[in-house]
PDB file of all heavy atoms in Angstrom:
ATOM      1  N   THR A   1      33.457  86.111 -27.543  1.00  0.00           N
ATOM      2  CA  THR A   1      32.241  86.680 -26.949  1.00  0.00           C
ATOM      3  C   THR A   1      32.498  87.921 -26.105  1.00  0.00           C
ATOM      4  O   THR A   1      31.570  88.636 -25.776  1.00  0.00           O
ATOM      5  CB  THR A   1      31.521  85.629 -26.079  1.00  0.00           C
ATOM      6  OG1 THR A   1      32.410  85.200 -25.044  1.00  0.00           O
ATOM      7  CG2 THR A   1      31.079  84.445 -26.919  1.00  0.00           C
ATOM      8  N   ALA A   2      33.723  88.193 -25.748  1.00  0.00           N
ATOM      9  CA  ALA A   2      34.022  89.351 -24.898  1.00  0.00           C
ATOM     10  C   ALA A   2      34.142  90.621 -25.732  1.00  0.00           C
ATOM     11  O   ALA A   2      34.664  90.597 -26.846  1.00  0.00           O
ATOM     12  CB  ALA A   2      35.313  89.114 -24.127  1.00  0.00           C
ATOM     13  N   GLN A   3      33.672  91.723 -25.159  1.00  0.00           N
ATOM     14  CA  GLN A   3      33.816  93.007 -25.843  1.00  0.00           C
ATOM     15  C   GLN A   3      35.182  93.635 -25.587  1.00  0.00           C
ATOM     16  O   GLN A   3      35.626  94.480 -26.348  1.00  0.00           O
ATOM     17  CB  GLN A   3      32.703  93.957 -25.403  1.00  0.00           C
ATOM     18  CG  GLN A   3      31.338  93.496 -25.913  1.00  0.00           C
ATOM     19  CD  GLN A   3      30.239  94.425 -25.458  1.00  0.00           C
ATOM     20  OE1 GLN A   3      30.045  94.599 -24.267  1.00  0.00           O
ATOM     21  NE2 GLN A   3      29.557  95.013 -26.411  1.00  0.00           N
ATOM     22  N   ILE A   4      35.850  93.210 -24.509  1.00  0.00           N
ATOM     23  CA  ILE A   4      37.205  93.660 -24.212  1.00  0.00           C
ATOM     24  C   ILE A   4      38.161  92.623 -24.782  1.00  0.00           C
ATOM     25  O   ILE A   4      38.057  91.444 -24.475  1.00  0.00           O
ATOM     26  CB  ILE A   4      37.443  93.784 -22.690  1.00  0.00           C
ATOM     27  CG1 ILE A   4      36.360  94.617 -22.019  1.00  0.00           C
ATOM     28  CG2 ILE A   4      38.847  94.317 -22.406  1.00  0.00           C
ATOM     29  CD1 ILE A   4      36.369  96.067 -22.361  1.00  0.00           C
ATOM     30  N   ARG A   5      39.110  93.087 -25.608  1.00  0.00           N
ATOM     31  CA  ARG A   5      40.040  92.164 -26.253  1.00  0.00           C
ATOM     32  C   ARG A   5      41.470  92.651 -26.063  1.00  0.00           C
ATOM     33  O   ARG A   5      41.765  93.822 -26.290  1.00  0.00           O
ATOM     34  CB  ARG A   5      39.732  92.050 -27.741  1.00  0.00           C
ATOM     35  CG  ARG A   5      38.372  91.405 -27.982  1.00  0.00           C
ATOM     36  CD  ARG A   5      37.745  91.851 -29.283  1.00  0.00           C
ATOM     37  NE  ARG A   5      36.369  91.404 -29.351  1.00  0.00           N
ATOM     38  CZ  ARG A   5      35.926  90.496 -30.202  1.00  0.00           C
ATOM     39  NH1 ARG A   5      36.746  89.954 -31.084  1.00  0.00           N
ATOM     40  NH2 ARG A   5      34.663  90.138 -30.188  1.00  0.00           N
ATOM     41  N   LEU A   6      42.324  91.737 -25.625  1.00  0.00           N
ATOM     42  CA  LEU A   6      43.750  92.027 -25.493  1.00  0.00           C
ATOM     43  C   LEU A   6      44.443  91.400 -26.687  1.00  0.00           C
ATOM     44  O   LEU A   6      44.418  90.184 -26.851  1.00  0.00           O
ATOM     45  CB  LEU A   6      44.304  91.436 -24.194  1.00  0.00           C
ATOM     46  CG  LEU A   6      43.557  91.769 -22.904  1.00  0.00           C
ATOM     47  CD1 LEU A   6      44.240  91.108 -21.715  1.00  0.00           C
ATOM     48  CD2 LEU A   6      43.454  93.262 -22.702  1.00  0.00           C
ATOM     49  N   LEU A   7      45.039  92.213 -27.531  1.00  0.00           N
ATOM     50  CA  LEU A   7      45.648  91.747 -28.773  1.00  0.00           C
ATOM     51  C   LEU A   7      47.156  91.812 -28.676  1.00  0.00           C
ATOM     52  O   LEU A   7      47.728  92.862 -28.387  1.00  0.00           O
ATOM     53  CB  LEU A   7      45.162  92.608 -29.942  1.00  0.00           C
ATOM     54  CG  LEU A   7      45.820  92.381 -31.305  1.00  0.00           C
ATOM     55  CD1 LEU A   7      45.590  90.962 -31.808  1.00  0.00           C
ATOM     56  CD2 LEU A   7      45.312  93.411 -32.315  1.00  0.00           C
ATOM     57  N   TYR A   8      47.816  90.680 -28.931  1.00  0.00           N
ATOM     58  CA  TYR A   8      49.269  90.617 -28.978  1.00  0.00           C
ATOM     59  C   TYR A   8      49.682  90.328 -30.411  1.00  0.00           C
ATOM     60  O   TYR A   8      49.311  89.290 -30.981  1.00  0.00           O
ATOM     61  CB  TYR A   8      49.804  89.517 -28.052  1.00  0.00           C
ATOM     62  CG  TYR A   8      51.301  89.363 -28.109  1.00  0.00           C
ATOM     63  CD1 TYR A   8      52.128  90.230 -27.406  1.00  0.00           C
ATOM     64  CD2 TYR A   8      51.891  88.366 -28.882  1.00  0.00           C
ATOM     65  CE1 TYR A   8      53.513  90.104 -27.462  1.00  0.00           C
ATOM     66  CE2 TYR A   8      53.269  88.232 -28.935  1.00  0.00           C
ATOM     67  CZ  TYR A   8      54.070  89.096 -28.223  1.00  0.00           C
ATOM     68  OH  TYR A   8      55.437  88.973 -28.290  1.00  0.00           O
ATOM     69  N   CYS A   9      50.443  91.247 -31.014  1.00  0.00           N
ATOM     70  CA  CYS A   9      50.844  91.081 -32.413  1.00  0.00           C
ATOM     71  C   CYS A   9      51.907  92.106 -32.760  1.00  0.00           C
ATOM     72  O   CYS A   9      52.238  92.972 -31.955  1.00  0.00           O
ATOM     73  CB  CYS A   9      49.633  91.255 -33.328  1.00  0.00           C
ATOM     74  SG  CYS A   9      48.923  92.907 -33.259  1.00  0.00           S
ATOM     75  N   SER A  10      52.407  92.009 -33.984  1.00  0.00           N
ATOM     76  CA  SER A  10      53.345  93.013 -34.484  1.00  0.00           C
ATOM     77  C   SER A  10      52.542  94.178 -35.052  1.00  0.00           C
ATOM     78  O   SER A  10      51.322  94.088 -35.230  1.00  0.00           O
ATOM     79  CB  SER A  10      54.236  92.420 -35.582  1.00  0.00           C
ATOM     80  OG  SER A  10      53.470  92.202 -36.750  1.00  0.00           O
ATOM     81  N   ARG A  11      53.230  95.257 -35.360  1.00  0.00           N
ATOM     82  CA  ARG A  11      52.552  96.430 -35.907  1.00  0.00           C
ATOM     83  C   ARG A  11      51.899  96.108 -37.249  1.00  0.00           C
ATOM     84  O   ARG A  11      50.759  96.484 -37.497  1.00  0.00           O
ATOM     85  CB  ARG A  11      53.552  97.577 -36.067  1.00  0.00           C
ATOM     86  CG  ARG A  11      52.899  98.871 -36.436  1.00  0.00           C
ATOM     87  CD  ARG A  11      53.944  99.962 -36.596  1.00  0.00           C
ATOM     88  NE  ARG A  11      53.369 101.273 -36.604  1.00  0.00           N
ATOM     89  CZ  ARG A  11      52.598 101.737 -37.569  1.00  0.00           C
ATOM     90  NH1 ARG A  11      52.287 100.982 -38.589  1.00  0.00           N
ATOM     91  NH2 ARG A  11      52.112 102.960 -37.508  1.00  0.00           N
ATOM     92  N   ASP A  12      52.621  95.414 -38.132  1.00  0.00           N
ATOM     93  CA  ASP A  12      52.051  95.066 -39.437  1.00  0.00           C
ATOM     94  C   ASP A  12      50.860  94.136 -39.283  1.00  0.00           C
ATOM     95  O   ASP A  12      49.860  94.262 -39.992  1.00  0.00           O
ATOM     96  CB  ASP A  12      53.111  94.414 -40.334  1.00  0.00           C
ATOM     97  CG  ASP A  12      54.209  95.394 -40.723  1.00  0.00           C
ATOM     98  OD1 ASP A  12      53.965  96.614 -40.695  1.00  0.00           O
ATOM     99  OD2 ASP A  12      55.320  94.932 -41.061  1.00  0.00           O
ATOM    100  N   GLU A  13      50.953  93.199 -38.350  1.00  0.00           N
ATOM    101  CA  GLU A  13      49.840  92.284 -38.116  1.00  0.00           C
ATOM    102  C   GLU A  13      48.633  93.017 -37.549  1.00  0.00           C
ATOM    103  O   GLU A  13      47.495  92.676 -37.856  1.00  0.00           O
ATOM    104  CB  GLU A  13      50.259  91.165 -37.168  1.00  0.00           C
ATOM    105  CG  GLU A  13      51.245  90.196 -37.775  1.00  0.00           C
ATOM    106  CD  GLU A  13      51.812  89.231 -36.742  1.00  0.00           C
ATOM    107  OE1 GLU A  13      51.898  89.581 -35.548  1.00  0.00           O
ATOM    108  OE2 GLU A  13      52.165  88.104 -37.155  1.00  0.00           O
ATOM    109  N   ALA A  14      48.884  94.047 -36.739  1.00  0.00           N
ATOM    110  CA  ALA A  14      47.776  94.814 -36.159  1.00  0.00           C
ATOM    111  C   ALA A  14      46.919  95.421 -37.261  1.00  0.00           C
ATOM    112  O   ALA A  14      45.685  95.442 -37.163  1.00  0.00           O
ATOM    113  CB  ALA A  14      48.305  95.899 -35.223  1.00  0.00           C
ATOM    114  N   GLU A  15      47.554  95.896 -38.307  1.00  0.00           N
ATOM    115  CA  GLU A  15      46.798  96.478 -39.416  1.00  0.00           C
ATOM    116  C   GLU A  15      45.877  95.428 -40.044  1.00  0.00           C
ATOM    117  O   GLU A  15      44.700  95.700 -40.320  1.00  0.00           O
ATOM    118  CB  GLU A  15      47.749  97.071 -40.448  1.00  0.00           C
ATOM    119  CG  GLU A  15      48.518  98.264 -39.911  1.00  0.00           C
ATOM    120  CD  GLU A  15      49.463  98.880 -40.924  1.00  0.00           C
ATOM    121  OE1 GLU A  15      49.316  98.595 -42.139  1.00  0.00           O
ATOM    122  OE2 GLU A  15      50.343  99.647 -40.501  1.00  0.00           O
ATOM    123  N   ALA A  16      46.382  94.214 -40.256  1.00  0.00           N
ATOM    124  CA  ALA A  16      45.565  93.146 -40.849  1.00  0.00           C
ATOM    125  C   ALA A  16      44.453  92.709 -39.894  1.00  0.00           C
ATOM    126  O   ALA A  16      43.312  92.479 -40.317  1.00  0.00           O
ATOM    127  CB  ALA A  16      46.445  91.951 -41.217  1.00  0.00           C
ATOM    128  N   VAL A  17      44.769  92.600 -38.601  1.00  0.00           N
ATOM    129  CA  VAL A  17      43.755  92.179 -37.623  1.00  0.00           C
ATOM    130  C   VAL A  17      42.651  93.218 -37.531  1.00  0.00           C
ATOM    131  O   VAL A  17      41.454  92.870 -37.535  1.00  0.00           O
ATOM    132  CB  VAL A  17      44.396  91.923 -36.238  1.00  0.00           C
ATOM    133  CG1 VAL A  17      43.321  91.711 -35.175  1.00  0.00           C
ATOM    134  CG2 VAL A  17      45.330  90.714 -36.291  1.00  0.00           C
ATOM    135  N   PHE A  18      43.004  94.495 -37.463  1.00  0.00           N
ATOM    136  CA  PHE A  18      41.974  95.529 -37.350  1.00  0.00           C
ATOM    137  C   PHE A  18      41.158  95.674 -38.635  1.00  0.00           C
ATOM    138  O   PHE A  18      39.979  96.010 -38.588  1.00  0.00           O
ATOM    139  CB  PHE A  18      42.576  96.869 -36.921  1.00  0.00           C
ATOM    140  CG  PHE A  18      42.820  96.933 -35.447  1.00  0.00           C
ATOM    141  CD1 PHE A  18      44.098  97.087 -34.954  1.00  0.00           C
ATOM    142  CD2 PHE A  18      41.770  96.830 -34.546  1.00  0.00           C
ATOM    143  CE1 PHE A  18      44.326  97.135 -33.592  1.00  0.00           C
ATOM    144  CE2 PHE A  18      41.983  96.876 -33.184  1.00  0.00           C
ATOM    145  CZ  PHE A  18      43.267  97.032 -32.700  1.00  0.00           C
ATOM    146  N   ARG A  19      41.765  95.415 -39.766  1.00  0.00           N
ATOM    147  CA  ARG A  19      41.014  95.425 -41.024  1.00  0.00           C
ATOM    148  C   ARG A  19      39.954  94.317 -40.989  1.00  0.00           C
ATOM    149  O   ARG A  19      38.790  94.537 -41.303  1.00  0.00           O
ATOM    150  CB  ARG A  19      41.981  95.232 -42.202  1.00  0.00           C
ATOM    151  CG  ARG A  19      41.362  95.447 -43.553  1.00  0.00           C
ATOM    152  CD  ARG A  19      42.390  95.486 -44.700  1.00  0.00           C
ATOM    153  NE  ARG A  19      43.577  94.664 -44.530  1.00  0.00           N
ATOM    154  CZ  ARG A  19      44.786  95.137 -44.197  1.00  0.00           C
ATOM    155  NH1 ARG A  19      44.975  96.425 -43.974  1.00  0.00           N
ATOM    156  NH2 ARG A  19      45.821  94.318 -44.069  1.00  0.00           N
ATOM    157  N   ALA A  20      40.363  93.114 -40.550  1.00  0.00           N
ATOM    158  CA  ALA A  20      39.408  91.996 -40.453  1.00  0.00           C
ATOM    159  C   ALA A  20      38.349  92.281 -39.392  1.00  0.00           C
ATOM    160  O   ALA A  20      37.163  91.988 -39.594  1.00  0.00           O
ATOM    161  CB  ALA A  20      40.159  90.696 -40.121  1.00  0.00           C
ATOM    162  N   ALA A  21      38.750  92.864 -38.260  1.00  0.00           N
ATOM    163  CA  ALA A  21      37.794  93.185 -37.192  1.00  0.00           C
ATOM    164  C   ALA A  21      36.784  94.227 -37.664  1.00  0.00           C
ATOM    165  O   ALA A  21      35.588  94.122 -37.378  1.00  0.00           O
ATOM    166  CB  ALA A  21      38.535  93.673 -35.954  1.00  0.00           C
ATOM    167  N   ARG A  22      37.258  95.225 -38.389  1.00  0.00           N
ATOM    168  CA  ARG A  22      36.350  96.240 -38.934  1.00  0.00           C
ATOM    169  C   ARG A  22      35.363  95.606 -39.897  1.00  0.00           C
ATOM    170  O   ARG A  22      34.155  95.842 -39.816  1.00  0.00           O
ATOM    171  CB  ARG A  22      37.144  97.342 -39.644  1.00  0.00           C
ATOM    172  CG  ARG A  22      36.250  98.471 -40.165  1.00  0.00           C
ATOM    173  CD  ARG A  22      36.959  99.339 -41.184  1.00  0.00           C
ATOM    174  NE  ARG A  22      37.346  98.497 -42.322  1.00  0.00           N
ATOM    175  CZ  ARG A  22      38.472  98.621 -43.013  1.00  0.00           C
ATOM    176  NH1 ARG A  22      39.351  99.532 -42.675  1.00  0.00           N
ATOM    177  NH2 ARG A  22      38.746  97.826 -44.011  1.00  0.00           N
ATOM    178  N   ASP A  23      35.861  94.747 -40.788  1.00  0.00           N
ATOM    179  CA  ASP A  23      34.979  94.077 -41.752  1.00  0.00           C
ATOM    180  C   ASP A  23      33.964  93.174 -41.063  1.00  0.00           C
ATOM    181  O   ASP A  23      32.868  92.949 -41.579  1.00  0.00           O
ATOM    182  CB  ASP A  23      35.806  93.250 -42.747  1.00  0.00           C
ATOM    183  CG  ASP A  23      36.657  94.129 -43.663  1.00  0.00           C
ATOM    184  OD1 ASP A  23      36.425  95.365 -43.714  1.00  0.00           O
ATOM    185  OD2 ASP A  23      37.576  93.581 -44.311  1.00  0.00           O
ATOM    186  N   ALA A  24      34.320  92.655 -39.886  1.00  0.00           N
ATOM    187  CA  ALA A  24      33.411  91.782 -39.132  1.00  0.00           C
ATOM    188  C   ALA A  24      32.491  92.578 -38.203  1.00  0.00           C
ATOM    189  O   ALA A  24      31.676  91.999 -37.494  1.00  0.00           O
ATOM    190  CB  ALA A  24      34.224  90.775 -38.316  1.00  0.00           C
ATOM    191  N   GLY A  25      32.626  93.907 -38.192  1.00  0.00           N
ATOM    192  CA  GLY A  25      31.776  94.744 -37.347  1.00  0.00           C
ATOM    193  C   GLY A  25      32.165  94.727 -35.879  1.00  0.00           C
ATOM    194  O   GLY A  25      31.325  94.914 -35.004  1.00  0.00           O
ATOM    195  N   LEU A  26      33.452  94.557 -35.590  1.00  0.00           N
ATOM    196  CA  LEU A  26      33.911  94.406 -34.200  1.00  0.00           C
ATOM    197  C   LEU A  26      34.785  95.557 -33.724  1.00  0.00           C
ATOM    198  O   LEU A  26      35.540  95.408 -32.768  1.00  0.00           O
ATOM    199  CB  LEU A  26      34.691  93.095 -34.070  1.00  0.00           C
ATOM    200  CG  LEU A  26      33.930  91.829 -34.467  1.00  0.00           C
ATOM    201  CD1 LEU A  26      34.862  90.631 -34.506  1.00  0.00           C
ATOM    202  CD2 LEU A  26      32.780  91.591 -33.518  1.00  0.00           C
ATOM    203  N   THR A  27      34.672  96.718 -34.381  1.00  0.00           N
ATOM    204  CA  THR A  27      35.502  97.848 -33.970  1.00  0.00           C
ATOM    205  C   THR A  27      34.686  99.074 -33.614  1.00  0.00           C
ATOM    206  O   THR A  27      35.255 100.101 -33.284  1.00  0.00           O
ATOM    207  CB  THR A  27      36.501  98.220 -35.090  1.00  0.00           C
ATOM    208  OG1 THR A  27      35.761  98.525 -36.282  1.00  0.00           O
ATOM    209  CG2 THR A  27      37.491  97.109 -35.331  1.00  0.00           C
ATOM    210  N   GLY A  28      33.399  98.970 -33.648  1.00  0.00           N
ATOM    211  CA  GLY A  28      32.563 100.130 -33.342  1.00  0.00           C
ATOM    212  C   GLY A  28      32.322 100.299 -31.859  1.00  0.00           C
ATOM    213  O   GLY A  28      33.014  99.705 -31.022  1.00  0.00           O
ATOM    214  N   PRO A  29      31.328 101.103 -31.528  1.00  0.00           N
ATOM    215  CA  PRO A  29      30.994 101.321 -30.119  1.00  0.00           C
ATOM    216  C   PRO A  29      30.721  99.996 -29.405  1.00  0.00           C
ATOM    217  O   PRO A  29      30.097  99.094 -29.957  1.00  0.00           O
ATOM    218  CB  PRO A  29      29.717 102.170 -30.188  1.00  0.00           C
ATOM    219  CG  PRO A  29      29.796 102.851 -31.521  1.00  0.00           C
ATOM    220  CD  PRO A  29      30.480 101.867 -32.436  1.00  0.00           C
ATOM    221  N   GLY A  30      31.229  99.906 -28.189  1.00  0.00           N
ATOM    222  CA  GLY A  30      31.021  98.694 -27.400  1.00  0.00           C
ATOM    223  C   GLY A  30      32.169  97.709 -27.463  1.00  0.00           C
ATOM    224  O   GLY A  30      32.205  96.759 -26.699  1.00  0.00           O
ATOM    225  N   TYR A  31      33.115  97.930 -28.373  1.00  0.00           N
ATOM    226  CA  TYR A  31      34.281  97.050 -28.464  1.00  0.00           C
ATOM    227  C   TYR A  31      35.516  97.820 -28.047  1.00  0.00           C
ATOM    228  O   TYR A  31      35.772  98.923 -28.523  1.00  0.00           O
ATOM    229  CB  TYR A  31      34.460  96.508 -29.882  1.00  0.00           C
ATOM    230  CG  TYR A  31      33.366  95.566 -30.273  1.00  0.00           C
ATOM    231  CD1 TYR A  31      32.282  96.004 -31.044  1.00  0.00           C
ATOM    232  CD2 TYR A  31      33.383  94.243 -29.863  1.00  0.00           C
ATOM    233  CE1 TYR A  31      31.258  95.139 -31.389  1.00  0.00           C
ATOM    234  CE2 TYR A  31      32.360  93.367 -30.211  1.00  0.00           C
ATOM    235  CZ  TYR A  31      31.303  93.829 -30.966  1.00  0.00           C
ATOM    236  OH  TYR A  31      30.296  92.973 -31.300  1.00  0.00           O
ATOM    237  N   ILE A  32      36.286  97.229 -27.147  1.00  0.00           N
ATOM    238  CA  ILE A  32      37.495  97.876 -26.652  1.00  0.00           C
ATOM    239  C   ILE A  32      38.664  96.926 -26.898  1.00  0.00           C
ATOM    240  O   ILE A  32      38.649  95.786 -26.457  1.00  0.00           O
ATOM    241  CB  ILE A  32      37.370  98.210 -25.154  1.00  0.00           C
ATOM    242  CG1 ILE A  32      36.192  99.171 -24.958  1.00  0.00           C
ATOM    243  CG2 ILE A  32      38.666  98.798 -24.629  1.00  0.00           C
ATOM    244  CD1 ILE A  32      35.819  99.398 -23.526  1.00  0.00           C
ATOM    245  N   TRP A  33      39.663  97.432 -27.607  1.00  0.00           N
ATOM    246  CA  TRP A  33      40.858  96.658 -27.940  1.00  0.00           C
ATOM    247  C   TRP A  33      42.061  97.278 -27.240  1.00  0.00           C
ATOM    248  O   TRP A  33      42.258  98.490 -27.286  1.00  0.00           O
ATOM    249  CB  TRP A  33      41.107  96.695 -29.446  1.00  0.00           C
ATOM    250  CG  TRP A  33      40.105  95.954 -30.276  1.00  0.00           C
ATOM    251  CD1 TRP A  33      38.862  96.385 -30.627  1.00  0.00           C
ATOM    252  CD2 TRP A  33      40.264  94.672 -30.869  1.00  0.00           C
ATOM    253  NE1 TRP A  33      38.243  95.440 -31.403  1.00  0.00           N
ATOM    254  CE2 TRP A  33      39.080  94.377 -31.575  1.00  0.00           C
ATOM    255  CE3 TRP A  33      41.299  93.747 -30.878  1.00  0.00           C
ATOM    256  CZ2 TRP A  33      38.912  93.193 -32.274  1.00  0.00           C
ATOM    257  CZ3 TRP A  33      41.130  92.564 -31.585  1.00  0.00           C
ATOM    258  CH2 TRP A  33      39.942  92.294 -32.265  1.00  0.00           C
TER     259      TRP A  33
END
């Protein structure tokens, strides 16, 4: 539920997480990672 997200992962995992976040609509304005 938070718009601020602290992500702990490897570089390769970051690509997969951000791909999923983008597909879920969680990377646009209002979301801070």
